Every structure is written in structure tokens, then in C-alpha cells.
């Protein structure tokens, strides 16, 4: 699995989950529960992971949706 996005913005997580679901790209949201425990410190951020073989498609999807700035380096 490759990291696509790392954020604690719940609205952005929801938007990206919707885009990936619509495009039928499987994904996993990691550390969702840990980020809640962390609160506002943002030491632990939620990570959206996609299969290695679909990371290019997922990145392209976000760029086309004008969300390219959210892609993890």
C-alpha cells in the first residue's frame, strides 16, 4: 500500500474517500482512531492508502479534481 494523502481534515478525507469509491480504487484509511485521541496536536495524522499498482491512477484522480496539493510527497 502506498500513501496517497496525510491529513486530519475530516471534510477532505470524506471527499477523497468519495472520489476513490466512485473511481473504484480500493483504499484504506489508517490511523483514523489514533488521530481522534491525539486531538488538535496533529502529531498523528490520518493516512489514506491505496494499492501500489493504483497509486498513479489515484494521484491523477486527485489532480483532475483540483486536489493535487493534498497528495503526499
Protein backbone atom coordinates (compact mmCIF):
# COMPACT_ATOMS: atom_id res chain seq x y z
CA UNK A 1 0.00 0.00 0.00
CA UNK A 2 1.18 3.49 -0.86
CA UNK A 3 0.31 6.67 0.99
CA UNK A 4 -1.85 8.99 -1.08
CA UNK A 5 -2.82 11.66 1.47
CA UNK A 6 -1.98 12.51 5.08
CA UNK A 7 -4.33 14.93 6.86
CA UNK A 8 -6.62 15.41 9.82
CA UNK A 9 -9.17 17.43 7.83
CA UNK A 10 -12.35 15.29 8.12
CA UNK A 11 -14.04 17.04 5.19
CA UNK A 12 -11.08 16.38 2.89
CA UNK A 13 -10.89 12.75 3.99
CA UNK A 14 -14.58 12.34 3.15
CA UNK A 15 -14.18 13.97 -0.28
CA UNK A 16 -11.19 11.80 -1.16
CA UNK A 17 -12.96 8.65 0.03
CA UNK A 18 -15.90 9.56 -2.23
CA UNK A 19 -13.65 10.13 -5.23
CA UNK A 20 -11.80 6.85 -4.73
CA UNK A 21 -15.05 4.93 -4.25
CA UNK A 22 -16.54 6.45 -7.41
CA UNK A 23 -13.41 5.55 -9.37
CA UNK A 24 -13.49 2.01 -7.90
CA UNK A 25 -9.99 2.42 -6.49
CA UNK A 26 -9.64 0.40 -3.28
CA UNK A 27 -8.27 2.29 -0.30
CA UNK A 28 -7.63 2.01 3.41
CA UNK A 29 -7.85 4.83 5.96
CA UNK A 30 -5.11 4.29 8.54
CA UNK A 31 -4.79 5.91 11.96
CA UNK A 32 -8.33 7.36 11.95
CA UNK A 33 -8.89 6.38 15.59
CA UNK A 34 -5.42 7.45 16.71
CA UNK A 35 -5.88 10.95 15.28
CA UNK A 36 -9.03 11.36 17.40
CA UNK A 37 -7.07 10.50 20.53
CA UNK A 38 -4.37 12.96 19.53
CA UNK A 39 -6.88 15.81 19.27
CA UNK A 40 -5.65 19.12 17.96
CA UNK A 41 -1.94 18.36 18.34
CA UNK A 42 -1.90 16.70 14.90
CA UNK A 43 1.09 14.57 15.79
CA UNK A 44 -0.69 11.55 14.32
CA UNK A 45 -2.46 12.25 11.04
CA UNK A 46 -4.92 10.07 9.15
CA UNK A 47 -3.37 8.39 6.11
CA UNK A 48 -5.27 7.31 3.02
CA UNK A 49 -3.52 4.35 1.44
CA UNK A 50 -4.10 2.77 -1.97
CA UNK A 51 -2.59 -0.35 -3.58
CA UNK A 52 0.86 0.28 -5.05
CA UNK A 53 -0.32 -0.60 -8.53
CA UNK A 54 -3.07 2.04 -8.39
CA UNK A 55 -1.22 4.97 -6.82
CA UNK A 56 -0.68 6.68 -10.20
CA UNK A 57 -4.41 6.46 -11.00
CA UNK A 58 -5.32 7.77 -7.55
CA UNK A 59 -2.92 10.70 -7.85
CA UNK A 60 -4.26 11.54 -11.30
CA UNK A 61 -7.81 11.43 -9.91
CA UNK A 62 -6.93 13.98 -7.22
CA UNK A 63 -5.14 16.25 -9.70
CA UNK A 64 -8.16 16.19 -12.02
CA UNK A 65 -10.38 17.10 -9.03
CA UNK A 66 -8.02 20.04 -8.31
CA UNK A 67 -6.89 18.41 -5.07
CA UNK A 68 -3.31 17.78 -6.16
CA UNK A 69 -1.96 19.94 -3.32
CA UNK A 70 -3.19 17.31 -0.85
CA UNK A 71 -1.11 14.47 -2.33
CA UNK A 72 1.66 13.20 -0.04
CA UNK A 73 5.17 13.66 -1.37
